Amino acid sequence: MDIERRPSHQHTVAILSRGDAAARRDATAQNSRFAHLFEALATVGIEARPAIYDESFAEDVREQLLAVDGVLVWVNPIQDGRNRAGLDALLRDVAARGVWVSAHPDVILKMGTKEVLYRTRSMGWGCDTALYQTADAMRAELPTRLASGSRVIKRNRGNGGQGVWKVERLPTSMIKVLDATKDAPEELTLDDFLRRCAEYFENGSVIDQPFQPRLSEGVVRCYMAGDRCAGFGHHKVKALVDSPAARAEAGPRLYSSNADPRFQRLRRLMEDEWTPQMTSLLDIARLDLPAIWDADFMLGPVLPDGTDSYVLGEINVSSVHPYPEEAPAEIARRVADRLRRKL
């Protein structure tokens, strides 16, 4: 593999995703799931190269990344029993050697874990959010919170609904729990539920939020390229929804551009208020915001003027895909601007 930097002034980036040795050998811009992003980057004068990663050939990937100006990363925090520990160490190393990494692992830790819900609870997208650092704290505090209504428990790092539960107090000494990845709830003792959550505390914390009654109306996903909105997704969900009728209405996420008139108030909030507030609160430089990230919002109480309020349920940073068809152009502009400032 040629790892020498070209003398040309053309910027180069690697688009990194997980795969095996065969996928690495056969990867091209044309057969990539990010083909439209390769095209968008070429339009702004950036040469993009596929970089397939696996722990078994991590050193080859390291050498590849050291030969480019930047790397855009799409790897889930948990996938097929593997985590990102080795990859994150590799990315920190190449970043320290001058390669721009998006999203940098340190930025992911600040905004891409569930703990961001607790750290930003005072913002306009926040709600009554608790953080449990230990199982003992959860055992002591959760029953009191359940007395005022159903709660949603979330492990600090995960994806695809892994480690997310709706918890409801029952008239007996039992609780009803619904795993976000399952269809039917169970009745358990609090101790039994805590045993299921024990692994969440091995290398992280647990977040506790009030269940949002309007969840069955759908979730709005706001896609961001840096600090600018890159589009929206909206879908009705099954996860944590009890009503069979509401679950039957669930469907795929429908994407739209950042000009979607339904979400212009949310766009203004994200661009003008909430993203600047978040970066200040979490000590993230504006230029270090990921090239693509998204925020999932549930509908909160209707405001006095008749408009919807929004409650943040999650920020996704590690592997945002798919996304609206307009997003690659926004990402490419973000990448071009960042590399111009870097070099």
C-alpha atoms as a PDB file:
ATOM      1  CA  MET A   1       0.000   0.000   0.000  1.00  0.00           C
ATOM      2  CA  ASP A   2       1.319   3.424  -0.955  1.00  0.00           C
ATOM      3  CA  ILE A   3       1.445   5.478   2.229  1.00  0.00           C
ATOM      4  CA  GLU A   4       3.484   8.424   0.963  1.00  0.00           C
ATOM      5  CA  ARG A   5       1.849  11.831   1.041  1.00  0.00           C
ATOM      6  CA  ARG A   6       1.364  13.303  -2.397  1.00  0.00           C
ATOM      7  CA  PRO A   7       3.203  16.556  -3.126  1.00  0.00           C
ATOM      8  CA  SER A   8      -0.047  17.955  -4.525  1.00  0.00           C
ATOM      9  CA  HIS A   9      -2.023  20.519  -2.546  1.00  0.00           C
ATOM     10  CA  GLN A  10      -5.152  18.374  -2.870  1.00  0.00           C
ATOM     11  CA  HIS A  11      -6.531  17.413   0.524  1.00  0.00           C
ATOM     12  CA  THR A  12      -7.071  13.726   1.253  1.00  0.00           C
ATOM     13  CA  VAL A  13      -9.368  12.007   3.745  1.00  0.00           C
ATOM     14  CA  ALA A  14     -10.012   8.391   4.693  1.00  0.00           C
ATOM     15  CA  ILE A  15     -13.570   7.185   5.243  1.00  0.00           C
ATOM     16  CA  LEU A  16     -13.233   4.539   7.927  1.00  0.00           C
ATOM     17  CA  SER A  17     -15.731   1.784   8.729  1.00  0.00           C
ATOM     18  CA  ARG A  18     -15.553  -1.695  10.194  1.00  0.00           C
ATOM     19  CA  GLY A  19     -15.080  -4.797   8.032  1.00  0.00           C
ATOM     20  CA  ASP A  20     -13.022  -7.924   7.463  1.00  0.00           C
ATOM     21  CA  ALA A  21      -9.910  -8.507   5.365  1.00  0.00           C
ATOM     22  CA  ALA A  22     -11.950  -9.261   2.234  1.00  0.00           C
ATOM     23  CA  ALA A  23     -13.907  -6.028   2.622  1.00  0.00           C
ATOM     24  CA  ARG A  24     -10.653  -4.100   3.003  1.00  0.00           C
ATOM     25  CA  ARG A  25      -9.157  -5.731  -0.079  1.00  0.00           C
ATOM     26  CA  ASP A  26     -12.204  -5.062  -2.260  1.00  0.00           C
ATOM     27  CA  ALA A  27     -13.211  -1.613  -0.950  1.00  0.00           C
ATOM     28  CA  THR A  28     -13.694   1.149  -3.525  1.00  0.00           C
ATOM     29  CA  ALA A  29     -15.474   4.465  -3.523  1.00  0.00           C
ATOM     30  CA  GLN A  30     -18.047   3.052  -5.921  1.00  0.00           C
ATOM     31  CA  ASN A  31     -19.047  -0.017  -3.879  1.00  0.00           C
ATOM     32  CA  SER A  32     -19.055   1.810  -0.550  1.00  0.00           C
ATOM     33  CA  ARG A  33     -22.273   2.595   1.316  1.00  0.00           C
ATOM     34  CA  PHE A  34     -20.796   6.105   1.460  1.00  0.00           C
ATOM     35  CA  ALA A  35     -20.559   6.428  -2.343  1.00  0.00           C
ATOM     36  CA  HIS A  36     -22.528   9.695  -2.330  1.00  0.00           C
ATOM     37  CA  LEU A  37     -20.166  11.124   0.263  1.00  0.00           C
ATOM     38  CA  PHE A  38     -17.138  10.187  -1.878  1.00  0.00           C
ATOM     39  CA  GLU A  39     -18.791  12.072  -4.748  1.00  0.00           C
ATOM     40  CA  ALA A  40     -19.597  15.111  -2.606  1.00  0.00           C
ATOM     41  CA  LEU A  41     -16.034  15.315  -1.310  1.00  0.00           C
ATOM     42  CA  ALA A  42     -14.667  15.095  -4.856  1.00  0.00           C
ATOM     43  CA  THR A  43     -16.926  18.001  -5.827  1.00  0.00           C
ATOM     44  CA  VAL A  44     -15.190  20.242  -3.276  1.00  0.00           C
ATOM     45  CA  GLY A  45     -11.717  19.064  -4.351  1.00  0.00           C
ATOM     46  CA  ILE A  46     -11.051  16.437  -1.681  1.00  0.00           C
ATOM     47  CA  GLU A  47      -9.775  12.974  -2.534  1.00  0.00           C
ATOM     48  CA  ALA A  48     -11.458  10.382  -0.309  1.00  0.00           C
ATOM     49  CA  ARG A  49     -10.165   6.848   0.209  1.00  0.00           C
ATOM     50  CA  PRO A  50     -11.958   3.892   1.812  1.00  0.00           C
ATOM     51  CA  ALA A  51     -10.345   2.586   5.017  1.00  0.00           C
ATOM     52  CA  ILE A  52     -11.753  -0.690   6.333  1.00  0.00           C
ATOM     53  CA  TYR A  53     -10.850  -1.385   9.967  1.00  0.00           C
ATOM     54  CA  ASP A  54     -10.539  -4.487  12.104  1.00  0.00           C
ATOM     55  CA  GLU A  55      -8.413  -5.115  15.162  1.00  0.00           C
ATOM     56  CA  SER A  56      -6.583  -7.925  13.332  1.00  0.00           C
ATOM     57  CA  PHE A  57      -5.019  -5.503  10.856  1.00  0.00           C
ATOM     58  CA  ALA A  58      -5.042  -2.312  12.907  1.00  0.00           C
ATOM     59  CA  GLU A  59      -1.405  -1.476  12.147  1.00  0.00           C
ATOM     60  CA  ASP A  60      -2.104  -1.438   8.413  1.00  0.00           C
ATOM     61  CA  VAL A  61      -4.971   0.956   9.041  1.00  0.00           C
ATOM     62  CA  ARG A  62      -2.742   3.159  11.209  1.00  0.00           C
ATOM     63  CA  GLU A  63      -0.233   3.510   8.375  1.00  0.00           C
ATOM     64  CA  GLN A  64      -3.027   4.337   5.938  1.00  0.00           C
ATOM     65  CA  LEU A  65      -4.418   7.051   8.192  1.00  0.00           C
ATOM     66  CA  LEU A  66      -1.016   8.643   8.733  1.00  0.00           C
ATOM     67  CA  ALA A  67      -0.859   9.231   4.970  1.00  0.00           C
ATOM     68  CA  VAL A  68      -4.009  11.398   4.776  1.00  0.00           C
ATOM     69  CA  ASP A  69      -5.020  14.811   6.082  1.00  0.00           C
ATOM     70  CA  GLY A  70      -8.172  13.676   7.834  1.00  0.00           C
ATOM     71  CA  VAL A  71     -10.317  10.668   8.661  1.00  0.00           C
ATOM     72  CA  LEU A  72     -14.109  10.406   8.938  1.00  0.00           C
ATOM     73  CA  VAL A  73     -15.126   7.505  11.178  1.00  0.00           C
ATOM     74  CA  TRP A  74     -18.246   5.330  11.103  1.00  0.00           C
ATOM     75  CA  VAL A  75     -17.898   2.602  13.763  1.00  0.00           C
ATOM     76  CA  ASN A  76     -20.547   1.753  16.368  1.00  0.00           C
ATOM     77  CA  PRO A  77     -19.583   1.807  20.072  1.00  0.00           C
ATOM     78  CA  ILE A  78     -20.798  -1.803  20.418  1.00  0.00           C
ATOM     79  CA  GLN A  79     -21.093  -4.172  17.467  1.00  0.00           C
ATOM     80  CA  ASP A  80     -21.046  -7.983  17.262  1.00  0.00           C
ATOM     81  CA  GLY A  81     -19.618  -8.198  20.769  1.00  0.00           C
ATOM     82  CA  ARG A  82     -16.768  -5.787  20.048  1.00  0.00           C
ATOM     83  CA  ASN A  83     -16.220  -2.258  21.312  1.00  0.00           C
ATOM     84  CA  ARG A  84     -14.116   0.682  20.114  1.00  0.00           C
ATOM     85  CA  ALA A  85     -11.330   0.555  22.712  1.00  0.00           C
ATOM     86  CA  GLY A  86      -8.589  -0.421  20.266  1.00  0.00           C
ATOM     87  CA  LEU A  87      -9.847   1.843  17.505  1.00  0.00           C
ATOM     88  CA  ASP A  88     -10.133   4.843  19.808  1.00  0.00           C
ATOM     89  CA  ALA A  89      -6.532   4.401  20.949  1.00  0.00           C
ATOM     90  CA  LEU A  90      -5.449   4.249  17.305  1.00  0.00           C
ATOM     91  CA  LEU A  91      -7.428   7.381  16.428  1.00  0.00           C
ATOM     92  CA  ARG A  92      -5.989   9.301  19.357  1.00  0.00           C
ATOM     93  CA  ASP A  93      -2.511   8.348  18.186  1.00  0.00           C
ATOM     94  CA  VAL A  94      -2.969   9.476  14.583  1.00  0.00           C
ATOM     95  CA  ALA A  95      -4.689  12.682  15.762  1.00  0.00           C
ATOM     96  CA  ALA A  96      -1.688  13.434  17.978  1.00  0.00           C
ATOM     97  CA  ARG A  97       0.479  13.073  14.866  1.00  0.00           C
ATOM     98  CA  GLY A  98      -1.464  15.759  13.017  1.00  0.00           C
ATOM     99  CA  VAL A  99      -4.300  13.931  11.272  1.00  0.00           C
ATOM    100  CA  TRP A 100      -7.722  15.539  11.713  1.00  0.00           C
ATOM    101  CA  VAL A 101     -10.131  12.923  13.147  1.00  0.00           C
ATOM    102  CA  SER A 102     -13.898  13.290  13.065  1.00  0.00           C
ATOM    103  CA  ALA A 103     -15.373  12.403  15.372  1.00  0.00           C
ATOM    104  CA  HIS A 104     -12.398  12.423  17.732  1.00  0.00           C
ATOM    105  CA  PRO A 105     -12.829   9.868  20.561  1.00  0.00           C
ATOM    106  CA  ASP A 106     -12.548  12.613  23.181  1.00  0.00           C
ATOM    107  CA  VAL A 107     -15.391  14.530  21.535  1.00  0.00           C
ATOM    108  CA  ILE A 108     -17.472  11.336  21.456  1.00  0.00           C
ATOM    109  CA  LEU A 109     -16.957  10.927  25.205  1.00  0.00           C
ATOM    110  CA  LYS A 110     -18.203  14.466  25.767  1.00  0.00           C
ATOM    111  CA  MET A 111     -21.288  14.480  23.555  1.00  0.00           C
ATOM    112  CA  GLY A 112     -21.859  10.985  22.165  1.00  0.00           C
ATOM    113  CA  THR A 113     -22.670   9.079  25.352  1.00  0.00           C
ATOM    114  CA  LYS A 114     -25.907   9.109  27.321  1.00  0.00           C
ATOM    115  CA  GLU A 115     -24.207  11.130  30.054  1.00  0.00           C
ATOM    116  CA  VAL A 116     -24.705  14.188  27.842  1.00  0.00           C
ATOM    117  CA  LEU A 117     -28.395  14.005  28.809  1.00  0.00           C
ATOM    118  CA  TYR A 118     -27.429  14.610  32.428  1.00  0.00           C
ATOM    119  CA  ARG A 119     -24.765  17.225  31.759  1.00  0.00           C
ATOM    120  CA  THR A 120     -27.133  19.301  29.574  1.00  0.00           C
ATOM    121  CA  ARG A 121     -30.294  18.754  31.631  1.00  0.00           C
ATOM    122  CA  SER A 122     -30.560  22.485  32.396  1.00  0.00           C
ATOM    123  CA  MET A 123     -30.752  23.400  28.702  1.00  0.00           C
ATOM    124  CA  GLY A 124     -33.989  23.927  26.795  1.00  0.00           C
ATOM    125  CA  TRP A 125     -33.927  20.352  25.527  1.00  0.00           C
ATOM    126  CA  GLY A 126     -33.433  18.912  29.037  1.00  0.00           C
ATOM    127  CA  CYS A 127     -35.725  17.269  31.564  1.00  0.00           C
ATOM    128  CA  ASP A 128     -35.594  15.741  35.061  1.00  0.00           C
ATOM    129  CA  THR A 129     -32.538  13.574  34.438  1.00  0.00           C
ATOM    130  CA  ALA A 130     -30.585  11.579  37.020  1.00  0.00           C
ATOM    131  CA  LEU A 131     -27.149   9.958  36.810  1.00  0.00           C
ATOM    132  CA  TYR A 132     -26.294   6.769  38.696  1.00  0.00           C
ATOM    133  CA  GLN A 133     -22.605   6.010  39.115  1.00  0.00           C
ATOM    134  CA  THR A 134     -23.194   2.782  41.056  1.00  0.00           C
ATOM    135  CA  ALA A 135     -25.828   0.080  41.372  1.00  0.00           C
ATOM    136  CA  ASP A 136     -26.244   1.033  45.041  1.00  0.00           C
ATOM    137  CA  ALA A 137     -27.151   4.597  44.061  1.00  0.00           C
ATOM    138  CA  MET A 138     -29.677   3.293  41.542  1.00  0.00           C
ATOM    139  CA  ARG A 139     -31.200   0.954  44.155  1.00  0.00           C
ATOM    140  CA  ALA A 140     -31.554   3.825  46.612  1.00  0.00           C
ATOM    141  CA  GLU A 141     -32.896   6.521  44.262  1.00  0.00           C
ATOM    142  CA  LEU A 142     -34.907   4.807  41.518  1.00  0.00           C
ATOM    143  CA  PRO A 143     -37.919   3.803  43.693  1.00  0.00           C
ATOM    144  CA  THR A 144     -38.485   7.418  44.726  1.00  0.00           C
ATOM    145  CA  ARG A 145     -38.433   8.578  41.113  1.00  0.00           C
ATOM    146  CA  LEU A 146     -40.786   5.781  40.056  1.00  0.00           C
ATOM    147  CA  ALA A 147     -43.320   7.066  42.560  1.00  0.00           C
ATOM    148  CA  SER A 148     -43.952  10.056  40.272  1.00  0.00           C
ATOM    149  CA  GLY A 149     -44.253   8.061  37.045  1.00  0.00           C
ATOM    150  CA  SER A 150     -42.527   5.749  34.584  1.00  0.00           C
ATOM    151  CA  ARG A 151     -38.830   6.231  33.954  1.00  0.00           C
ATOM    152  CA  VAL A 152     -36.449   5.330  31.131  1.00  0.00           C
ATOM    153  CA  ILE A 153     -33.121   3.755  32.099  1.00  0.00           C
ATOM    154  CA  LYS A 154     -30.221   4.015  29.631  1.00  0.00           C
ATOM    155  CA  ARG A 155     -26.707   2.614  29.773  1.00  0.00           C
ATOM    156  CA  ASN A 156     -24.085   5.265  29.102  1.00  0.00           C
ATOM    157  CA  ARG A 157     -22.747   3.757  25.867  1.00  0.00           C
ATOM    158  CA  GLY A 158     -24.698   1.691  23.401  1.00  0.00           C
ATOM    159  CA  ASN A 159     -26.630   1.768  20.151  1.00  0.00           C
ATOM    160  CA  GLY A 160     -29.685   0.169  18.599  1.00  0.00           C
ATOM    161  CA  GLY A 161     -31.654   0.327  21.843  1.00  0.00           C
ATOM    162  CA  GLN A 162     -29.161  -1.870  23.713  1.00  0.00           C
ATOM    163  CA  GLY A 163     -29.350  -1.166  27.440  1.00  0.00           C
ATOM    164  CA  VAL A 164     -32.494   1.005  27.255  1.00  0.00           C
ATOM    165  CA  TRP A 165     -35.498   0.146  29.444  1.00  0.00           C
ATOM    166  CA  LYS A 166     -38.871   1.599  30.365  1.00  0.00           C
ATOM    167  CA  VAL A 167     -39.515   0.975  34.071  1.00  0.00           C
ATOM    168  CA  GLU A 168     -42.890   1.315  35.802  1.00  0.00           C
ATOM    169  CA  ARG A 169     -43.828   0.760  39.434  1.00  0.00           C
ATOM    170  CA  LEU A 170     -46.600  -1.765  40.066  1.00  0.00           C
ATOM    171  CA  PRO A 171     -49.045  -1.820  43.016  1.00  0.00           C
ATOM    172  CA  THR A 172     -47.181  -4.869  44.314  1.00  0.00           C
ATOM    173  CA  SER A 173     -43.496  -4.905  45.224  1.00  0.00           C
ATOM    174  CA  MET A 174     -42.678  -5.687  41.606  1.00  0.00           C
ATOM    175  CA  ILE A 175     -41.772  -3.391  38.708  1.00  0.00           C
ATOM    176  CA  LYS A 176     -42.694  -3.708  35.040  1.00  0.00           C
ATOM    177  CA  VAL A 177     -39.782  -3.363  32.634  1.00  0.00           C
ATOM    178  CA  LEU A 178     -39.739  -3.162  28.849  1.00  0.00           C
ATOM    179  CA  ASP A 179     -36.474  -3.712  26.985  1.00  0.00           C
ATOM    180  CA  ALA A 180     -36.266  -1.321  24.004  1.00  0.00           C
ATOM    181  CA  THR A 181     -35.175  -4.232  21.797  1.00  0.00           C
ATOM    182  CA  LYS A 182     -38.141  -6.440  22.809  1.00  0.00           C
ATOM    183  CA  ASP A 183     -41.884  -6.377  22.182  1.00  0.00           C
ATOM    184  CA  ALA A 184     -43.305  -7.483  25.531  1.00  0.00           C
ATOM    185  CA  PRO A 185     -42.718  -6.202  29.079  1.00  0.00           C
ATOM    186  CA  GLU A 186     -41.757  -8.333  32.078  1.00  0.00           C
ATOM    187  CA  GLU A 187     -42.484  -8.127  35.786  1.00  0.00           C
ATOM    188  CA  LEU A 188     -39.398  -8.275  37.978  1.00  0.00           C
ATOM    189  CA  THR A 189     -38.239  -7.380  41.435  1.00  0.00           C
ATOM    190  CA  LEU A 190     -36.031  -4.307  41.652  1.00  0.00           C
ATOM    191  CA  ASP A 191     -33.091  -6.505  42.641  1.00  0.00           C
ATOM    192  CA  ASP A 192     -33.596  -8.733  39.593  1.00  0.00           C
ATOM    193  CA  PHE A 193     -33.630  -5.663  37.347  1.00  0.00           C
ATOM    194  CA  LEU A 194     -30.505  -4.292  38.990  1.00  0.00           C
ATOM    195  CA  ARG A 195     -28.733  -7.570  38.314  1.00  0.00           C
ATOM    196  CA  ARG A 196     -29.569  -7.175  34.619  1.00  0.00           C
ATOM    197  CA  CYS A 197     -28.079  -3.691  34.701  1.00  0.00           C
ATOM    198  CA  ALA A 198     -24.965  -4.656  36.679  1.00  0.00           C
ATOM    199  CA  GLU A 199     -22.687  -4.798  33.629  1.00  0.00           C
ATOM    200  CA  TYR A 200     -23.579  -1.196  32.746  1.00  0.00           C
ATOM    201  CA  PHE A 201     -21.617  -0.019  35.781  1.00  0.00           C
ATOM    202  CA  GLU A 202     -18.462  -1.980  34.925  1.00  0.00           C
ATOM    203  CA  ASN A 203     -17.138   0.804  32.708  1.00  0.00           C
ATOM    204  CA  GLY A 204     -19.775   3.502  32.825  1.00  0.00           C
ATOM    205  CA  SER A 205     -22.848   4.969  34.410  1.00  0.00           C
ATOM    206  CA  VAL A 206     -26.628   4.804  33.978  1.00  0.00           C
ATOM    207  CA  ILE A 207     -28.966   7.622  33.000  1.00  0.00           C
ATOM    208  CA  ASP A 208     -32.544   7.917  34.284  1.00  0.00           C
ATOM    209  CA  GLN A 209     -35.124  10.137  32.527  1.00  0.00           C
ATOM    210  CA  PRO A 210     -38.905  10.471  32.826  1.00  0.00           C
ATOM    211  CA  PHE A 211     -40.831   8.564  30.156  1.00  0.00           C
ATOM    212  CA  GLN A 212     -42.292  10.976  27.597  1.00  0.00           C
ATOM    213  CA  PRO A 213     -46.031  10.293  27.075  1.00  0.00           C
ATOM    214  CA  ARG A 214     -45.938  11.625  23.491  1.00  0.00           C
ATOM    215  CA  LEU A 215     -43.337   9.087  22.374  1.00  0.00           C
ATOM    216  CA  SER A 216     -45.958   7.285  20.281  1.00  0.00           C
ATOM    217  CA  GLU A 217     -46.284  10.428  18.123  1.00  0.00           C
ATOM    218  CA  GLY A 218     -42.786   9.838  16.806  1.00  0.00           C
ATOM    219  CA  VAL A 219     -39.155  10.867  17.148  1.00  0.00           C
ATOM    220  CA  VAL A 220     -37.545  13.734  15.229  1.00  0.00           C
ATOM    221  CA  ARG A 221     -33.870  13.308  14.351  1.00  0.00           C
ATOM    222  CA  CYS A 222     -31.964  16.489  13.554  1.00  0.00           C
ATOM    223  CA  TYR A 223     -28.820  15.839  11.526  1.00  0.00           C
ATOM    224  CA  MET A 224     -25.969  18.268  12.034  1.00  0.00           C
ATOM    225  CA  ALA A 225     -22.790  18.886  10.014  1.00  0.00           C
ATOM    226  CA  GLY A 226     -20.672  20.707  12.541  1.00  0.00           C
ATOM    227  CA  ASP A 227     -22.919  23.481  13.830  1.00  0.00           C
ATOM    228  CA  ARG A 228     -25.242  23.602  10.780  1.00  0.00           C
ATOM    229  CA  CYS A 229     -28.364  21.530  10.232  1.00  0.00           C
ATOM    230  CA  ALA A 230     -27.997  18.963   7.433  1.00  0.00           C
ATOM    231  CA  GLY A 231     -31.551  17.613   7.382  1.00  0.00           C
ATOM    232  CA  PHE A 232     -34.157  15.747   9.385  1.00  0.00           C
ATOM    233  CA  GLY A 233     -35.596  12.296   9.888  1.00  0.00           C
ATOM    234  CA  HIS A 234     -38.971  11.475  11.432  1.00  0.00           C
ATOM    235  CA  HIS A 235     -40.511   8.160  12.314  1.00  0.00           C
ATOM    236  CA  LYS A 236     -43.003   6.539  14.633  1.00  0.00           C
ATOM    237  CA  VAL A 237     -41.294   4.000  16.849  1.00  0.00           C
ATOM    238  CA  LYS A 238     -42.069   0.685  18.499  1.00  0.00           C
ATOM    239  CA  ALA A 239     -39.357   0.863  21.132  1.00  0.00           C
ATOM    240  CA  LEU A 240     -40.780   1.464  24.633  1.00  0.00           C
ATOM    241  CA  VAL A 241     -44.303   1.995  23.263  1.00  0.00           C
ATOM    242  CA  ASP A 242     -46.881  -0.122  25.117  1.00  0.00           C
ATOM    243  CA  SER A 243     -50.006   0.412  23.040  1.00  0.00           C
ATOM    244  CA  PRO A 244     -50.461  -2.265  20.338  1.00  0.00           C
ATOM    245  CA  ALA A 245     -52.307   0.279  18.166  1.00  0.00           C
ATOM    246  CA  ALA A 246     -49.457   2.792  18.433  1.00  0.00           C
ATOM    247  CA  ARG A 247     -46.878   0.076  17.791  1.00  0.00           C
ATOM    248  CA  ALA A 248     -48.769  -0.912  14.657  1.00  0.00           C
ATOM    249  CA  GLU A 249     -48.288   2.620  13.302  1.00  0.00           C
ATOM    250  CA  ALA A 250     -44.491   2.391  13.575  1.00  0.00           C
ATOM    251  CA  GLY A 251     -42.611   2.653  10.325  1.00  0.00           C
ATOM    252  CA  PRO A 252     -39.273   3.506   8.727  1.00  0.00           C
ATOM    253  CA  ARG A 253     -37.581   6.842   9.248  1.00  0.00           C
ATOM    254  CA  LEU A 254     -38.551   9.333   6.550  1.00  0.00           C
ATOM    255  CA  TYR A 255     -35.844  11.813   5.597  1.00  0.00           C
ATOM    256  CA  SER A 256     -36.151  15.436   4.541  1.00  0.00           C
ATOM    257  CA  SER A 257     -33.879  18.399   3.897  1.00  0.00           C
ATOM    258  CA  ASN A 258     -32.985  21.146   6.332  1.00  0.00           C
ATOM    259  CA  ALA A 259     -35.676  23.264   4.629  1.00  0.00           C
ATOM    260  CA  ASP A 260     -38.516  21.005   5.848  1.00  0.00           C
ATOM    261  CA  PRO A 261     -41.123  23.539   7.060  1.00  0.00           C
ATOM    262  CA  ARG A 262     -42.291  21.243   9.877  1.00  0.00           C
ATOM    263  CA  PHE A 263     -38.985  21.532  11.702  1.00  0.00           C
ATOM    264  CA  GLN A 264     -37.765  25.091  11.135  1.00  0.00           C
ATOM    265  CA  ARG A 265     -38.259  26.036  14.774  1.00  0.00           C
ATOM    266  CA  LEU A 266     -36.167  23.033  15.808  1.00  0.00           C
ATOM    267  CA  ARG A 267     -33.529  23.981  13.237  1.00  0.00           C
ATOM    268  CA  ARG A 268     -33.283  27.514  14.640  1.00  0.00           C
ATOM    269  CA  LEU A 269     -33.034  26.167  18.176  1.00  0.00           C
ATOM    270  CA  MET A 270     -30.281  23.734  17.216  1.00  0.00           C
ATOM    271  CA  GLU A 271     -28.207  26.169  15.164  1.00  0.00           C
ATOM    272  CA  ASP A 272     -28.668  29.367  17.143  1.00  0.00           C
ATOM    273  CA  GLU A 273     -29.165  28.250  20.753  1.00  0.00           C
ATOM    274  CA  TRP A 274     -28.688  24.637  21.706  1.00  0.00           C
ATOM    275  CA  THR A 275     -25.517  23.729  19.812  1.00  0.00           C
ATOM    276  CA  PRO A 276     -23.636  26.843  21.024  1.00  0.00           C
ATOM    277  CA  GLN A 277     -24.878  26.202  24.567  1.00  0.00           C
ATOM    278  CA  MET A 278     -23.823  22.567  24.401  1.00  0.00           C
ATOM    279  CA  THR A 279     -20.328  23.313  23.095  1.00  0.00           C
ATOM    280  CA  SER A 280     -19.835  25.897  25.830  1.00  0.00           C
ATOM    281  CA  LEU A 281     -21.159  23.604  28.559  1.00  0.00           C
ATOM    282  CA  LEU A 282     -19.119  20.592  27.413  1.00  0.00           C
ATOM    283  CA  ASP A 283     -15.985  22.580  26.467  1.00  0.00           C
ATOM    284  CA  ILE A 284     -15.986  21.552  22.803  1.00  0.00           C
ATOM    285  CA  ALA A 285     -14.442  23.912  20.273  1.00  0.00           C
ATOM    286  CA  ARG A 286     -16.808  24.683  17.384  1.00  0.00           C
ATOM    287  CA  LEU A 287     -14.294  23.366  14.851  1.00  0.00           C
ATOM    288  CA  ASP A 288     -14.095  20.078  16.777  1.00  0.00           C
ATOM    289  CA  LEU A 289     -17.781  19.307  16.325  1.00  0.00           C
ATOM    290  CA  PRO A 290     -18.200  16.111  14.280  1.00  0.00           C
ATOM    291  CA  ALA A 291     -18.584  16.365  10.521  1.00  0.00           C
ATOM    292  CA  ILE A 292     -21.889  14.520  10.985  1.00  0.00           C
ATOM    293  CA  TRP A 293     -23.875  13.907  14.160  1.00  0.00           C
ATOM    294  CA  ASP A 294     -27.514  13.820  15.104  1.00  0.00           C
ATOM    295  CA  ALA A 295     -29.836  14.529  17.998  1.00  0.00           C
ATOM    296  CA  ASP A 296     -33.002  12.524  18.638  1.00  0.00           C
ATOM    297  CA  PHE A 297     -35.930  14.462  20.058  1.00  0.00           C
ATOM    298  CA  MET A 298     -39.166  13.292  21.577  1.00  0.00           C
ATOM    299  CA  LEU A 299     -42.119  15.647  21.725  1.00  0.00           C
ATOM    300  CA  GLY A 300     -42.549  17.244  25.122  1.00  0.00           C
ATOM    301  CA  PRO A 301     -45.528  19.189  26.486  1.00  0.00           C
ATOM    302  CA  VAL A 302     -47.274  21.605  24.137  1.00  0.00           C
ATOM    303  CA  LEU A 303     -46.196  25.165  24.951  1.00  0.00           C
ATOM    304  CA  PRO A 304     -48.650  27.978  25.784  1.00  0.00           C
ATOM    305  CA  ASP A 305     -48.353  29.345  22.230  1.00  0.00           C
ATOM    306  CA  GLY A 306     -49.396  25.969  20.808  1.00  0.00           C
ATOM    307  CA  THR A 307     -45.954  24.924  19.568  1.00  0.00           C
ATOM    308  CA  ASP A 308     -44.238  21.699  20.517  1.00  0.00           C
ATOM    309  CA  SER A 309     -41.445  21.468  23.016  1.00  0.00           C
ATOM    310  CA  TYR A 310     -38.643  18.977  22.434  1.00  0.00           C
ATOM    311  CA  VAL A 311     -36.894  16.623  24.845  1.00  0.00           C
ATOM    312  CA  LEU A 312     -33.475  15.259  23.933  1.00  0.00           C
ATOM    313  CA  GLY A 313     -33.328  11.465  24.061  1.00  0.00           C
ATOM    314  CA  GLU A 314     -29.921  10.776  22.551  1.00  0.00           C
ATOM    315  CA  ILE A 315     -27.023  12.223  20.576  1.00  0.00           C
ATOM    316  CA  ASN A 316     -25.452   9.925  17.995  1.00  0.00           C
ATOM    317  CA  VAL A 317     -21.874  10.607  16.946  1.00  0.00           C
ATOM    318  CA  SER A 318     -19.976   7.360  16.385  1.00  0.00           C
ATOM    319  CA  SER A 319     -21.738   6.015  13.298  1.00  0.00           C
ATOM    320  CA  VAL A 320     -24.427   8.280  11.840  1.00  0.00           C
ATOM    321  CA  HIS A 321     -25.784   6.469   8.779  1.00  0.00           C
ATOM    322  CA  PRO A 322     -28.033   6.546   6.826  1.00  0.00           C
ATOM    323  CA  TYR A 323     -28.795  10.249   6.600  1.00  0.00           C
ATOM    324  CA  PRO A 324     -30.807  12.607   4.342  1.00  0.00           C
ATOM    325  CA  GLU A 325     -29.681  12.697   0.715  1.00  0.00           C
ATOM    326  CA  GLU A 326     -28.706  16.364   1.118  1.00  0.00           C
ATOM    327  CA  ALA A 327     -26.342  15.570   4.017  1.00  0.00           C
ATOM    328  CA  PRO A 328     -23.228  14.520   1.998  1.00  0.00           C
ATOM    329  CA  ALA A 329     -22.959  18.004   0.482  1.00  0.00           C
ATOM    330  CA  GLU A 330     -23.188  19.565   3.956  1.00  0.00           C
ATOM    331  CA  ILE A 331     -20.584  17.131   5.289  1.00  0.00           C
ATOM    332  CA  ALA A 332     -18.247  17.880   2.376  1.00  0.00           C
ATOM    333  CA  ARG A 333     -18.489  21.632   2.999  1.00  0.00           C
ATOM    334  CA  ARG A 334     -17.753  21.049   6.668  1.00  0.00           C
ATOM    335  CA  VAL A 335     -14.726  18.861   5.872  1.00  0.00           C
ATOM    336  CA  ALA A 336     -13.344  21.301   3.298  1.00  0.00           C
ATOM    337  CA  ASP A 337     -13.641  24.213   5.728  1.00  0.00           C
ATOM    338  CA  ARG A 338     -11.989  22.253   8.527  1.00  0.00           C
ATOM    339  CA  LEU A 339      -9.060  21.093   6.385  1.00  0.00           C
ATOM    340  CA  ARG A 340      -8.488  24.598   5.031  1.00  0.00           C
ATOM    341  CA  ARG A 341      -8.187  25.840   8.601  1.00  0.00           C
ATOM    342  CA  LYS A 342      -5.930  22.936   9.594  1.00  0.00           C
ATOM    343  CA  LEU A 343      -3.368  23.119   6.817  1.00  0.00           C
END
